[in-house]
Amino acid sequence: MSDITVRHTPGRDRFEILDAGNVIGKAAYKEYDGGESPQRIFYHTVINEEYGGQGLAGRLATAALDSTVADGIGIVPVCPFIKKFLAKHPEYLASVVAVTPAHLEFLESAIAARTRG
């Protein structure tokens, strides 16, 4: 596992975890302008099945959340994995934004637009 890296791919709205340069998982998000401050809605985290049980989802979440906080962006946890991760890592709580109906409506529209186009 020495070739495991994480990168931010803003053009694809996701953080990716790679093994020797091959994408083996992702934490997908949508940028949201909450008016008061920028926010990042995390809605899906997945690791390829053959890499399961190695702590890679946690490593990916840590990199994604650290980067989000460093950029001064609020964390909106819609993804069940990210919600669970945040419950175990209170160091991120100051950056967490409660999920609202507006977040969910925006996310639904954004995902629908992406699948149409």
PDB file of N, CA and C in Angstrom:
ATOM      1  N   MET A   1       0.818  -1.204   0.000  1.00  0.00           N
ATOM      2  CA  MET A   1       0.000   0.000   0.000  1.00  0.00           C
ATOM      3  C   MET A   1       0.857   1.261   0.000  1.00  0.00           C
ATOM      4  N   SER A   2       2.112   1.158  -0.342  1.00  0.00           N
ATOM      5  CA  SER A   2       2.975   2.325  -0.325  1.00  0.00           C
ATOM      6  C   SER A   2       2.696   3.272  -1.484  1.00  0.00           C
ATOM      7  N   ASP A   3       1.994   2.821  -2.513  1.00  0.00           N
ATOM      8  CA  ASP A   3       1.687   3.674  -3.657  1.00  0.00           C
ATOM      9  C   ASP A   3       0.318   4.341  -3.545  1.00  0.00           C
ATOM     10  N   ILE A   4      -0.287   4.325  -2.355  1.00  0.00           N
ATOM     11  CA  ILE A   4      -1.605   4.923  -2.155  1.00  0.00           C
ATOM     12  C   ILE A   4      -1.453   6.431  -1.969  1.00  0.00           C
ATOM     13  N   THR A   5      -2.176   7.192  -2.797  1.00  0.00           N
ATOM     14  CA  THR A   5      -2.163   8.652  -2.699  1.00  0.00           C
ATOM     15  C   THR A   5      -3.594   9.178  -2.797  1.00  0.00           C
ATOM     16  N   VAL A   6      -3.772  10.408  -2.361  1.00  0.00           N
ATOM     17  CA  VAL A   6      -5.069  11.071  -2.480  1.00  0.00           C
ATOM     18  C   VAL A   6      -4.848  12.365  -3.236  1.00  0.00           C
ATOM     19  N   ARG A   7      -5.754  12.653  -4.159  1.00  0.00           N
ATOM     20  CA  ARG A   7      -5.668  13.921  -4.881  1.00  0.00           C
ATOM     21  C   ARG A   7      -7.053  14.556  -4.975  1.00  0.00           C
ATOM     22  N   HIS A   8      -7.036  15.873  -5.073  1.00  0.00           N
ATOM     23  CA  HIS A   8      -8.273  16.632  -5.278  1.00  0.00           C
ATOM     24  C   HIS A   8      -8.406  16.865  -6.773  1.00  0.00           C
ATOM     25  N   THR A   9      -9.565  16.549  -7.307  1.00  0.00           N
ATOM     26  CA  THR A   9      -9.844  16.737  -8.722  1.00  0.00           C
ATOM     27  C   THR A   9     -11.047  17.674  -8.842  1.00  0.00           C
ATOM     28  N   PRO A  10     -10.815  18.991  -8.691  1.00  0.00           N
ATOM     29  CA  PRO A  10     -11.930  19.930  -8.680  1.00  0.00           C
ATOM     30  C   PRO A  10     -12.779  19.905  -9.945  1.00  0.00           C
ATOM     31  N   GLY A  11     -12.192  19.642 -11.084  1.00  0.00           N
ATOM     32  CA  GLY A  11     -12.950  19.586 -12.333  1.00  0.00           C
ATOM     33  C   GLY A  11     -13.984  18.478 -12.356  1.00  0.00           C
ATOM     34  N   ARG A  12     -13.812  17.504 -11.496  1.00  0.00           N
ATOM     35  CA  ARG A  12     -14.764  16.386 -11.401  1.00  0.00           C
ATOM     36  C   ARG A  12     -15.519  16.409 -10.076  1.00  0.00           C
ATOM     37  N   ASP A  13     -15.335  17.469  -9.296  1.00  0.00           N
ATOM     38  CA  ASP A  13     -16.012  17.620  -7.993  1.00  0.00           C
ATOM     39  C   ASP A  13     -15.804  16.406  -7.099  1.00  0.00           C
ATOM     40  N   ARG A  14     -14.540  16.033  -6.928  1.00  0.00           N
ATOM     41  CA  ARG A  14     -14.289  14.890  -6.058  1.00  0.00           C
ATOM     42  C   ARG A  14     -12.833  14.834  -5.600  1.00  0.00           C
ATOM     43  N   PHE A  15     -12.646  14.104  -4.533  1.00  0.00           N
ATOM     44  CA  PHE A  15     -11.323  13.717  -4.076  1.00  0.00           C
ATOM     45  C   PHE A  15     -11.190  12.255  -4.473  1.00  0.00           C
ATOM     46  N   GLU A  16     -10.006  11.881  -4.944  1.00  0.00           N
ATOM     47  CA  GLU A  16      -9.782  10.516  -5.402  1.00  0.00           C
ATOM     48  C   GLU A  16      -8.658   9.890  -4.609  1.00  0.00           C
ATOM     49  N   ILE A  17      -8.799   8.596  -4.345  1.00  0.00           N
ATOM     50  CA  ILE A  17      -7.703   7.838  -3.741  1.00  0.00           C
ATOM     51  C   ILE A  17      -7.201   6.889  -4.818  1.00  0.00           C
ATOM     52  N   LEU A  18      -5.882   6.826  -4.935  1.00  0.00           N
ATOM     53  CA  LEU A  18      -5.267   6.070  -6.021  1.00  0.00           C
ATOM     54  C   LEU A  18      -4.271   5.052  -5.502  1.00  0.00           C
ATOM     55  N   ASP A  19      -4.156   3.967  -6.234  1.00  0.00           N
ATOM     56  CA  ASP A  19      -3.134   2.955  -5.982  1.00  0.00           C
ATOM     57  C   ASP A  19      -2.270   2.910  -7.235  1.00  0.00           C
ATOM     58  N   ALA A  20      -1.026   3.321  -7.095  1.00  0.00           N
ATOM     59  CA  ALA A  20      -0.089   3.361  -8.226  1.00  0.00           C
ATOM     60  C   ALA A  20      -0.684   4.129  -9.411  1.00  0.00           C
ATOM     61  N   GLY A  21      -1.390   5.213  -9.114  1.00  0.00           N
ATOM     62  CA  GLY A  21      -1.944   6.068 -10.159  1.00  0.00           C
ATOM     63  C   GLY A  21      -3.322   5.695 -10.650  1.00  0.00           C
ATOM     64  N   ASN A  22      -3.866   4.554 -10.215  1.00  0.00           N
ATOM     65  CA  ASN A  22      -5.202   4.122 -10.629  1.00  0.00           C
ATOM     66  C   ASN A  22      -6.224   4.500  -9.564  1.00  0.00           C
ATOM     67  N   VAL A  23      -7.313   5.144  -9.984  1.00  0.00           N
ATOM     68  CA  VAL A  23      -8.355   5.559  -9.046  1.00  0.00           C
ATOM     69  C   VAL A  23      -9.032   4.314  -8.471  1.00  0.00           C
ATOM     70  N   ILE A  24      -9.040   4.227  -7.138  1.00  0.00           N
ATOM     71  CA  ILE A  24      -9.667   3.079  -6.461  1.00  0.00           C
ATOM     72  C   ILE A  24     -10.793   3.516  -5.524  1.00  0.00           C
ATOM     73  N   GLY A  25     -11.050   4.820  -5.479  1.00  0.00           N
ATOM     74  CA  GLY A  25     -12.139   5.314  -4.655  1.00  0.00           C
ATOM     75  C   GLY A  25     -12.289   6.806  -4.814  1.00  0.00           C
ATOM     76  N   LYS A  26     -13.432   7.325  -4.323  1.00  0.00           N
ATOM     77  CA  LYS A  26     -13.674   8.755  -4.455  1.00  0.00           C
ATOM     78  C   LYS A  26     -14.611   9.240  -3.357  1.00  0.00           C
ATOM     79  N   ALA A  27     -14.483  10.529  -3.082  1.00  0.00           N
ATOM     80  CA  ALA A  27     -15.409  11.240  -2.204  1.00  0.00           C
ATOM     81  C   ALA A  27     -15.965  12.377  -3.057  1.00  0.00           C
ATOM     82  N   ALA A  28     -17.209  12.220  -3.493  1.00  0.00           N
ATOM     83  CA  ALA A  28     -17.824  13.187  -4.401  1.00  0.00           C
ATOM     84  C   ALA A  28     -18.522  14.294  -3.623  1.00  0.00           C
ATOM     85  N   TYR A  29     -18.491  15.483  -4.198  1.00  0.00           N
ATOM     86  CA  TYR A  29     -19.117  16.634  -3.558  1.00  0.00           C
ATOM     87  C   TYR A  29     -19.668  17.586  -4.612  1.00  0.00           C
ATOM     88  N   LYS A  30     -20.439  18.547  -4.151  1.00  0.00           N
ATOM     89  CA  LYS A  30     -20.877  19.670  -4.974  1.00  0.00           C
ATOM     90  C   LYS A  30     -20.596  20.930  -4.183  1.00  0.00           C
ATOM     91  N   GLU A  31     -20.049  21.932  -4.850  1.00  0.00           N
ATOM     92  CA  GLU A  31     -19.822  23.228  -4.217  1.00  0.00           C
ATOM     93  C   GLU A  31     -21.174  23.931  -4.102  1.00  0.00           C
ATOM     94  N   TYR A  32     -21.382  24.594  -2.968  1.00  0.00           N
ATOM     95  CA  TYR A  32     -22.659  25.258  -2.704  1.00  0.00           C
ATOM     96  C   TYR A  32     -22.375  26.638  -2.131  1.00  0.00           C
ATOM     97  N   ASP A  33     -23.034  27.643  -2.685  1.00  0.00           N
ATOM     98  CA  ASP A  33     -22.899  28.995  -2.160  1.00  0.00           C
ATOM     99  C   ASP A  33     -24.008  29.215  -1.149  1.00  0.00           C
ATOM    100  N   GLY A  34     -23.646  29.072   0.105  1.00  0.00           N
ATOM    101  CA  GLY A  34     -24.622  29.203   1.175  1.00  0.00           C
ATOM    102  C   GLY A  34     -24.941  30.633   1.547  1.00  0.00           C
ATOM    103  N   GLY A  35     -24.438  31.598   0.793  1.00  0.00           N
ATOM    104  CA  GLY A  35     -24.699  32.990   1.093  1.00  0.00           C
ATOM    105  C   GLY A  35     -23.674  33.559   2.056  1.00  0.00           C
ATOM    106  N   GLU A  36     -23.605  33.003   3.259  1.00  0.00           N
ATOM    107  CA  GLU A  36     -22.668  33.509   4.261  1.00  0.00           C
ATOM    108  C   GLU A  36     -21.240  33.049   3.976  1.00  0.00           C
ATOM    109  N   SER A  37     -21.101  31.824   3.541  1.00  0.00           N
ATOM    110  CA  SER A  37     -19.771  31.285   3.276  1.00  0.00           C
ATOM    111  C   SER A  37     -19.887  30.115   2.306  1.00  0.00           C
ATOM    112  N   PRO A  38     -18.795  29.819   1.578  1.00  0.00           N
ATOM    113  CA  PRO A  38     -18.841  28.679   0.659  1.00  0.00           C
ATOM    114  C   PRO A  38     -18.952  27.366   1.440  1.00  0.00           C
ATOM    115  N   GLN A  39     -19.624  26.423   0.829  1.00  0.00           N
ATOM    116  CA  GLN A  39     -19.831  25.120   1.458  1.00  0.00           C
ATOM    117  C   GLN A  39     -19.592  24.026   0.424  1.00  0.00           C
ATOM    118  N   ARG A  40     -19.230  22.866   0.926  1.00  0.00           N
ATOM    119  CA  ARG A  40     -18.996  21.699   0.079  1.00  0.00           C
ATOM    120  C   ARG A  40     -19.911  20.590   0.581  1.00  0.00           C
ATOM    121  N   ILE A  41     -20.855  20.182  -0.260  1.00  0.00           N
ATOM    122  CA  ILE A  41     -21.792  19.122   0.100  1.00  0.00           C
ATOM    123  C   ILE A  41     -21.186  17.790  -0.319  1.00  0.00           C
ATOM    124  N   PHE A  42     -20.769  16.996   0.671  1.00  0.00           N
ATOM    125  CA  PHE A  42     -20.255  15.653   0.394  1.00  0.00           C
ATOM    126  C   PHE A  42     -21.448  14.705   0.332  1.00  0.00           C
ATOM    127  N   TYR A  43     -21.600  14.009  -0.804  1.00  0.00           N
ATOM    128  CA  TYR A  43     -22.789  13.175  -0.970  1.00  0.00           C
ATOM    129  C   TYR A  43     -22.507  11.709  -1.292  1.00  0.00           C
ATOM    130  N   HIS A  44     -21.269  11.351  -1.605  1.00  0.00           N
ATOM    131  CA  HIS A  44     -21.016   9.936  -1.928  1.00  0.00           C
ATOM    132  C   HIS A  44     -19.538   9.622  -1.747  1.00  0.00           C
ATOM    133  N   THR A  45     -19.269   8.594  -0.972  1.00  0.00           N
ATOM    134  CA  THR A  45     -17.894   8.111  -0.795  1.00  0.00           C
ATOM    135  C   THR A  45     -17.899   6.623  -1.082  1.00  0.00           C
ATOM    136  N   VAL A  46     -16.931   6.186  -1.880  1.00  0.00           N
ATOM    137  CA  VAL A  46     -16.861   4.773  -2.239  1.00  0.00           C
ATOM    138  C   VAL A  46     -15.401   4.365  -2.435  1.00  0.00           C
ATOM    139  N   ILE A  47     -15.117   3.139  -2.035  1.00  0.00           N
ATOM    140  CA  ILE A  47     -13.813   2.510  -2.264  1.00  0.00           C
ATOM    141  C   ILE A  47     -14.080   1.227  -3.041  1.00  0.00           C
ATOM    142  N   ASN A  48     -13.282   0.951  -4.060  1.00  0.00           N
ATOM    143  CA  ASN A  48     -13.458  -0.295  -4.814  1.00  0.00           C
ATOM    144  C   ASN A  48     -13.456  -1.485  -3.848  1.00  0.00           C
ATOM    145  N   GLU A  49     -14.323  -2.429  -4.104  1.00  0.00           N
ATOM    146  CA  GLU A  49     -14.548  -3.561  -3.199  1.00  0.00           C
ATOM    147  C   GLU A  49     -13.269  -4.306  -2.819  1.00  0.00           C
ATOM    148  N   GLU A  50     -12.390  -4.499  -3.758  1.00  0.00           N
ATOM    149  CA  GLU A  50     -11.167  -5.260  -3.469  1.00  0.00           C
ATOM    150  C   GLU A  50     -10.208  -4.517  -2.536  1.00  0.00           C
ATOM    151  N   TYR A  51     -10.462  -3.252  -2.274  1.00  0.00           N
ATOM    152  CA  TYR A  51      -9.629  -2.458  -1.365  1.00  0.00           C
ATOM    153  C   TYR A  51     -10.318  -2.224  -0.018  1.00  0.00           C
ATOM    154  N   GLY A  52     -11.461  -2.837   0.169  1.00  0.00           N
ATOM    155  CA  GLY A  52     -12.221  -2.660   1.405  1.00  0.00           C
ATOM    156  C   GLY A  52     -11.485  -3.194   2.630  1.00  0.00           C
ATOM    157  N   GLY A  53     -11.823  -2.649   3.780  1.00  0.00           N
ATOM    158  CA  GLY A  53     -11.283  -3.129   5.044  1.00  0.00           C
ATOM    159  C   GLY A  53      -9.846  -2.732   5.335  1.00  0.00           C
ATOM    160  N   GLN A  54      -9.310  -1.785   4.571  1.00  0.00           N
ATOM    161  CA  GLN A  54      -7.919  -1.378   4.757  1.00  0.00           C
ATOM    162  C   GLN A  54      -7.789   0.042   5.317  1.00  0.00           C
ATOM    163  N   GLY A  55      -8.928   0.642   5.679  1.00  0.00           N
ATOM    164  CA  GLY A  55      -8.897   1.996   6.227  1.00  0.00           C
ATOM    165  C   GLY A  55      -8.758   3.083   5.174  1.00  0.00           C
ATOM    166  N   LEU A  56      -8.918   2.723   3.913  1.00  0.00           N
ATOM    167  CA  LEU A  56      -8.712   3.698   2.844  1.00  0.00           C
ATOM    168  C   LEU A  56      -9.814   4.748   2.775  1.00  0.00           C
ATOM    169  N   ALA A  57     -11.042   4.375   3.107  1.00  0.00           N
ATOM    170  CA  ALA A  57     -12.130   5.367   3.112  1.00  0.00           C
ATOM    171  C   ALA A  57     -11.852   6.433   4.164  1.00  0.00           C
ATOM    172  N   GLY A  58     -11.339   6.028   5.311  1.00  0.00           N
ATOM    173  CA  GLY A  58     -10.981   6.989   6.353  1.00  0.00           C
ATOM    174  C   GLY A  58      -9.844   7.890   5.924  1.00  0.00           C
ATOM    175  N   ARG A  59      -8.880   7.321   5.240  1.00  0.00           N
ATOM    176  CA  ARG A  59      -7.756   8.117   4.730  1.00  0.00           C
ATOM    177  C   ARG A  59      -8.237   9.137   3.700  1.00  0.00           C
ATOM    178  N   LEU A  60      -9.142   8.699   2.836  1.00  0.00           N
ATOM    179  CA  LEU A  60      -9.725   9.581   1.830  1.00  0.00           C
ATOM    180  C   LEU A  60     -10.536  10.692   2.502  1.00  0.00           C
ATOM    181  N   ALA A  61     -11.367  10.318   3.471  1.00  0.00           N
ATOM    182  CA  ALA A  61     -12.185  11.312   4.174  1.00  0.00           C
ATOM    183  C   ALA A  61     -11.313  12.329   4.890  1.00  0.00           C
ATOM    184  N   THR A  62     -10.257  11.868   5.539  1.00  0.00           N
ATOM    185  CA  THR A  62      -9.356  12.783   6.244  1.00  0.00           C
ATOM    186  C   THR A  62      -8.750  13.796   5.278  1.00  0.00           C
ATOM    187  N   ALA A  63      -8.246  13.342   4.150  1.00  0.00           N
ATOM    188  CA  ALA A  63      -7.640  14.242   3.166  1.00  0.00           C
ATOM    189  C   ALA A  63      -8.677  15.225   2.616  1.00  0.00           C
ATOM    190  N   ALA A  64      -9.871  14.729   2.304  1.00  0.00           N
ATOM    191  CA  ALA A  64     -10.918  15.584   1.742  1.00  0.00           C
ATOM    192  C   ALA A  64     -11.367  16.644   2.745  1.00  0.00           C
ATOM    193  N   LEU A  65     -11.568  16.225   3.987  1.00  0.00           N
ATOM    194  CA  LEU A  65     -12.033  17.178   4.999  1.00  0.00           C
ATOM    195  C   LEU A  65     -10.932  18.146   5.397  1.00  0.00           C
ATOM    196  N   ASP A  66      -9.701  17.674   5.516  1.00  0.00           N
ATOM    197  CA  ASP A  66      -8.587  18.577   5.830  1.00  0.00           C
ATOM    198  C   ASP A  66      -8.448  19.656   4.764  1.00  0.00           C
ATOM    199  N   SER A  67      -8.542  19.267   3.511  1.00  0.00           N
ATOM    200  CA  SER A  67      -8.433  20.215   2.409  1.00  0.00           C
ATOM    201  C   SER A  67      -9.585  21.210   2.429  1.00  0.00           C
ATOM    202  N   THR A  68     -10.773  20.728   2.693  1.00  0.00           N
ATOM    203  CA  THR A  68     -11.966  21.581   2.736  1.00  0.00           C
ATOM    204  C   THR A  68     -11.833  22.623   3.841  1.00  0.00           C
ATOM    205  N   VAL A  69     -11.429  22.183   5.023  1.00  0.00           N
ATOM    206  CA  VAL A  69     -11.243  23.097   6.150  1.00  0.00           C
ATOM    207  C   VAL A  69     -10.131  24.103   5.847  1.00  0.00           C
ATOM    208  N   ALA A  70      -9.020  23.633   5.295  1.00  0.00           N
ATOM    209  CA  ALA A  70      -7.892  24.515   4.965  1.00  0.00           C
ATOM    210  C   ALA A  70      -8.291  25.597   3.966  1.00  0.00           C
ATOM    211  N   ASP A  71      -9.236  25.278   3.088  1.00  0.00           N
ATOM    212  CA  ASP A  71      -9.710  26.239   2.096  1.00  0.00           C
ATOM    213  C   ASP A  71     -10.801  27.165   2.652  1.00  0.00           C
ATOM    214  N   GLY A  72     -11.160  26.970   3.929  1.00  0.00           N
ATOM    215  CA  GLY A  72     -12.183  27.816   4.539  1.00  0.00           C
ATOM    216  C   GLY A  72     -13.590  27.521   4.054  1.00  0.00           C
ATOM    217  N   ILE A  73     -13.824  26.288   3.654  1.00  0.00           N
ATOM    218  CA  ILE A  73     -15.126  25.874   3.117  1.00  0.00           C
ATOM    219  C   ILE A  73     -15.844  25.026   4.147  1.00  0.00           C
ATOM    220  N   GLY A  74     -17.139  25.280   4.326  1.00  0.00           N
ATOM    221  CA  GLY A  74     -17.938  24.507   5.263  1.00  0.00           C
ATOM    222  C   GLY A  74     -18.196  23.105   4.740  1.00  0.00           C
ATOM    223  N   ILE A  75     -18.311  22.153   5.661  1.00  0.00           N
ATOM    224  CA  ILE A  75     -18.559  20.743   5.336  1.00  0.00           C
ATOM    225  C   ILE A  75     -20.040  20.458   5.543  1.00  0.00           C
ATOM    226  N   VAL A  76     -20.724  20.032   4.486  1.00  0.00           N
ATOM    227  CA  VAL A  76     -22.136  19.657   4.571  1.00  0.00           C
ATOM    228  C   VAL A  76     -22.203  18.146   4.364  1.00  0.00           C
ATOM    229  N   PRO A  77     -22.401  17.376   5.447  1.00  0.00           N
ATOM    230  CA  PRO A  77     -22.335  15.916   5.353  1.00  0.00           C
ATOM    231  C   PRO A  77     -23.668  15.253   4.992  1.00  0.00           C
ATOM    232  N   VAL A  78     -23.852  14.978   3.709  1.00  0.00           N
ATOM    233  CA  VAL A  78     -25.019  14.225   3.250  1.00  0.00           C
ATOM    234  C   VAL A  78     -24.659  12.743   3.145  1.00  0.00           C
ATOM    235  N   CYS A  79     -23.452  12.445   2.723  1.00  0.00           N
ATOM    236  CA  CYS A  79     -22.955  11.076   2.572  1.00  0.00           C
ATOM    237  C   CYS A  79     -22.968  10.349   3.919  1.00  0.00           C
ATOM    238  N   PRO A  80     -23.560   9.158   3.993  1.00  0.00           N
ATOM    239  CA  PRO A  80     -23.578   8.410   5.258  1.00  0.00           C
ATOM    240  C   PRO A  80     -22.186   8.129   5.819  1.00  0.00           C
ATOM    241  N   PHE A  81     -21.218   7.828   4.963  1.00  0.00           N
ATOM    242  CA  PHE A  81     -19.867   7.564   5.467  1.00  0.00           C
ATOM    243  C   PHE A  81     -19.267   8.815   6.093  1.00  0.00           C
ATOM    244  N   ILE A  82     -19.395   9.945   5.421  1.00  0.00           N
ATOM    245  CA  ILE A  82     -18.842  11.196   5.948  1.00  0.00           C
ATOM    246  C   ILE A  82     -19.528  11.557   7.268  1.00  0.00           C
ATOM    247  N   LYS A  83     -20.839  11.359   7.357  1.00  0.00           N
ATOM    248  CA  LYS A  83     -21.560  11.614   8.626  1.00  0.00           C
ATOM    249  C   LYS A  83     -20.971  10.771   9.753  1.00  0.00           C
ATOM    250  N   LYS A  84     -20.792   9.489   9.482  1.00  0.00           N
ATOM    251  CA  LYS A  84     -20.254   8.562  10.482  1.00  0.00           C
ATOM    252  C   LYS A  84     -18.818   8.941  10.854  1.00  0.00           C
ATOM    253  N   PHE A  85     -18.030   9.298   9.869  1.00  0.00           N
ATOM    254  CA  PHE A  85     -16.643   9.700  10.097  1.00  0.00           C
ATOM    255  C   PHE A  85     -16.600  10.941  10.997  1.00  0.00           C
ATOM    256  N   LEU A  86     -17.432  11.918  10.702  1.00  0.00           N
ATOM    257  CA  LEU A  86     -17.460  13.151  11.492  1.00  0.00           C
ATOM    258  C   LEU A  86     -17.863  12.898  12.939  1.00  0.00           C
ATOM    259  N   ALA A  87     -18.743  11.927  13.162  1.00  0.00           N
ATOM    260  CA  ALA A  87     -19.168  11.595  14.526  1.00  0.00           C
ATOM    261  C   ALA A  87     -17.993  11.084  15.360  1.00  0.00           C
ATOM    262  N   LYS A  88     -17.003  10.493  14.695  1.00  0.00           N
ATOM    263  CA  LYS A  88     -15.827   9.951  15.385  1.00  0.00           C
ATOM    264  C   LYS A  88     -14.647  10.929  15.403  1.00  0.00           C
ATOM    265  N   HIS A  89     -14.790  12.056  14.711  1.00  0.00           N
ATOM    266  CA  HIS A  89     -13.691  13.018  14.583  1.00  0.00           C
ATOM    267  C   HIS A  89     -14.184  14.430  14.889  1.00  0.00           C
ATOM    268  N   PRO A  90     -14.338  14.739  16.164  1.00  0.00           N
ATOM    269  CA  PRO A  90     -14.886  16.043  16.552  1.00  0.00           C
ATOM    270  C   PRO A  90     -14.018  17.234  16.164  1.00  0.00           C
ATOM    271  N   GLU A  91     -12.792  16.988  15.756  1.00  0.00           N
ATOM    272  CA  GLU A  91     -11.919  18.100  15.363  1.00  0.00           C
ATOM    273  C   GLU A  91     -12.458  18.869  14.153  1.00  0.00           C
ATOM    274  N   TYR A  92     -13.399  18.273  13.410  1.00  0.00           N
ATOM    275  CA  TYR A  92     -13.982  18.935  12.237  1.00  0.00           C
ATOM    276  C   TYR A  92     -15.285  19.677  12.551  1.00  0.00           C
ATOM    277  N   LEU A  93     -15.808  19.514  13.747  1.00  0.00           N
ATOM    278  CA  LEU A  93     -17.145  20.025  14.060  1.00  0.00           C
ATOM    279  C   LEU A  93     -17.306  21.520  13.825  1.00  0.00           C
ATOM    280  N   ALA A  94     -16.274  22.306  14.057  1.00  0.00           N
ATOM    281  CA  ALA A  94     -16.382  23.756  13.857  1.00  0.00           C
ATOM    282  C   ALA A  94     -16.646  24.113  12.390  1.00  0.00           C
ATOM    283  N   SER A  95     -16.329  23.210  11.490  1.00  0.00           N
ATOM    284  CA  SER A  95     -16.518  23.470  10.055  1.00  0.00           C
ATOM    285  C   SER A  95     -17.759  22.804   9.481  1.00  0.00           C
ATOM    286  N   VAL A  96     -18.486  22.038  10.298  1.00  0.00           N
ATOM    287  CA  VAL A  96     -19.663  21.321   9.806  1.00  0.00           C
ATOM    288  C   VAL A  96     -20.866  22.260   9.746  1.00  0.00           C
ATOM    289  N   VAL A  97     -21.581  22.180   8.643  1.00  0.00           N
ATOM    290  CA  VAL A  97     -22.804  22.947   8.436  1.00  0.00           C
ATOM    291  C   VAL A  97     -23.958  21.954   8.417  1.00  0.00           C
ATOM    292  N   ALA A  98     -24.992  22.224   9.188  1.00  0.00           N
ATOM    293  CA  ALA A  98     -26.153  21.322   9.236  1.00  0.00           C
ATOM    294  C   ALA A  98     -26.816  21.245   7.861  1.00  0.00           C
ATOM    295  N   VAL A  99     -27.193  20.034   7.481  1.00  0.00           N
ATOM    296  CA  VAL A  99     -27.867  19.815   6.206  1.00  0.00           C
ATOM    297  C   VAL A  99     -29.269  20.429   6.280  1.00  0.00           C
ATOM    298  N   THR A 100     -29.621  21.197   5.256  1.00  0.00           N
ATOM    299  CA  THR A 100     -30.939  21.830   5.189  1.00  0.00           C
ATOM    300  C   THR A 100     -31.687  21.337   3.947  1.00  0.00           C
ATOM    301  N   PRO A 101     -32.985  21.575   3.887  1.00  0.00           N
ATOM    302  CA  PRO A 101     -33.720  21.234   2.658  1.00  0.00           C
ATOM    303  C   PRO A 101     -33.134  21.936   1.420  1.00  0.00           C
ATOM    304  N   ALA A 102     -32.622  23.155   1.589  1.00  0.00           N
ATOM    305  CA  ALA A 102     -32.017  23.867   0.450  1.00  0.00           C
ATOM    306  C   ALA A 102     -30.799  23.108  -0.082  1.00  0.00           C
ATOM    307  N   HIS A 103     -29.986  22.549   0.815  1.00  0.00           N
ATOM    308  CA  HIS A 103     -28.837  21.749   0.387  1.00  0.00           C
ATOM    309  C   HIS A 103     -29.309  20.550  -0.438  1.00  0.00           C
ATOM    310  N   LEU A 104     -30.305  19.859   0.079  1.00  0.00           N
ATOM    311  CA  LEU A 104     -30.781  18.646  -0.591  1.00  0.00           C
ATOM    312  C   LEU A 104     -31.415  18.957  -1.941  1.00  0.00           C
ATOM    313  N   GLU A 105     -32.166  20.054  -2.036  1.00  0.00           N
ATOM    314  CA  GLU A 105     -32.770  20.453  -3.311  1.00  0.00           C
ATOM    315  C   GLU A 105     -31.682  20.808  -4.324  1.00  0.00           C
ATOM    316  N   PHE A 106     -30.679  21.569  -3.869  1.00  0.00           N
ATOM    317  CA  PHE A 106     -29.571  21.928  -4.755  1.00  0.00           C
ATOM    318  C   PHE A 106     -28.851  20.668  -5.248  1.00  0.00           C
ATOM    319  N   LEU A 107     -28.555  19.766  -4.332  1.00  0.00           N
ATOM    320  CA  LEU A 107     -27.845  18.538  -4.678  1.00  0.00           C
ATOM    321  C   LEU A 107     -28.645  17.702  -5.672  1.00  0.00           C
ATOM    322  N   GLU A 108     -29.924  17.556  -5.425  1.00  0.00           N
ATOM    323  CA  GLU A 108     -30.774  16.775  -6.333  1.00  0.00           C
ATOM    324  C   GLU A 108     -30.763  17.381  -7.733  1.00  0.00           C
ATOM    325  N   SER A 109     -30.885  18.709  -7.821  1.00  0.00           N
ATOM    326  CA  SER A 109     -30.872  19.388  -9.125  1.00  0.00           C
ATOM    327  C   SER A 109     -29.520  19.241  -9.808  1.00  0.00           C
ATOM    328  N   ALA A 110     -28.444  19.382  -9.047  1.00  0.00           N
ATOM    329  CA  ALA A 110     -27.090  19.287  -9.612  1.00  0.00           C
ATOM    330  C   ALA A 110     -26.823  17.894 -10.160  1.00  0.00           C
ATOM    331  N   ILE A 111     -27.235  16.892  -9.431  1.00  0.00           N
ATOM    332  CA  ILE A 111     -27.001  15.514  -9.868  1.00  0.00           C
ATOM    333  C   ILE A 111     -27.877  15.195 -11.090  1.00  0.00           C
ATOM    334  N   ALA A 112     -29.122  15.660 -11.066  1.00  0.00           N
ATOM    335  CA  ALA A 112     -30.010  15.434 -12.197  1.00  0.00           C
ATOM    336  C   ALA A 112     -29.463  16.102 -13.459  1.00  0.00           C
ATOM    337  N   ALA A 113     -28.940  17.316 -13.320  1.00  0.00           N
ATOM    338  CA  ALA A 113     -28.374  18.033 -14.470  1.00  0.00           C
ATOM    339  C   ALA A 113     -27.164  17.288 -15.023  1.00  0.00           C
ATOM    340  N   ARG A 114     -26.351  16.732 -14.136  1.00  0.00           N
ATOM    341  CA  ARG A 114     -25.163  16.009 -14.567  1.00  0.00           C
ATOM    342  C   ARG A 114     -25.533  14.736 -15.327  1.00  0.00           C
ATOM    343  N   THR A 115     -26.572  14.053 -14.893  1.00  0.00           N
ATOM    344  CA  THR A 115     -26.948  12.802 -15.549  1.00  0.00           C
ATOM    345  C   THR A 115     -27.651  13.066 -16.885  1.00  0.00           C
ATOM    346  N   ARG A 116     -28.253  14.242 -17.022  1.00  0.00           N
ATOM    347  CA  ARG A 116     -28.889  14.604 -18.301  1.00  0.00           C
ATOM    348  C   ARG A 116     -27.865  15.040 -19.336  1.00  0.00           C
ATOM    349  N   GLY A 117     -26.783  15.666 -18.839  1.00  0.00           N
ATOM    350  CA  GLY A 117     -25.839  16.276 -19.787  1.00  0.00           C
ATOM    351  C   GLY A 117     -24.668  15.502 -20.027  1.00  0.00           C
TER     352      GLY A 117
END
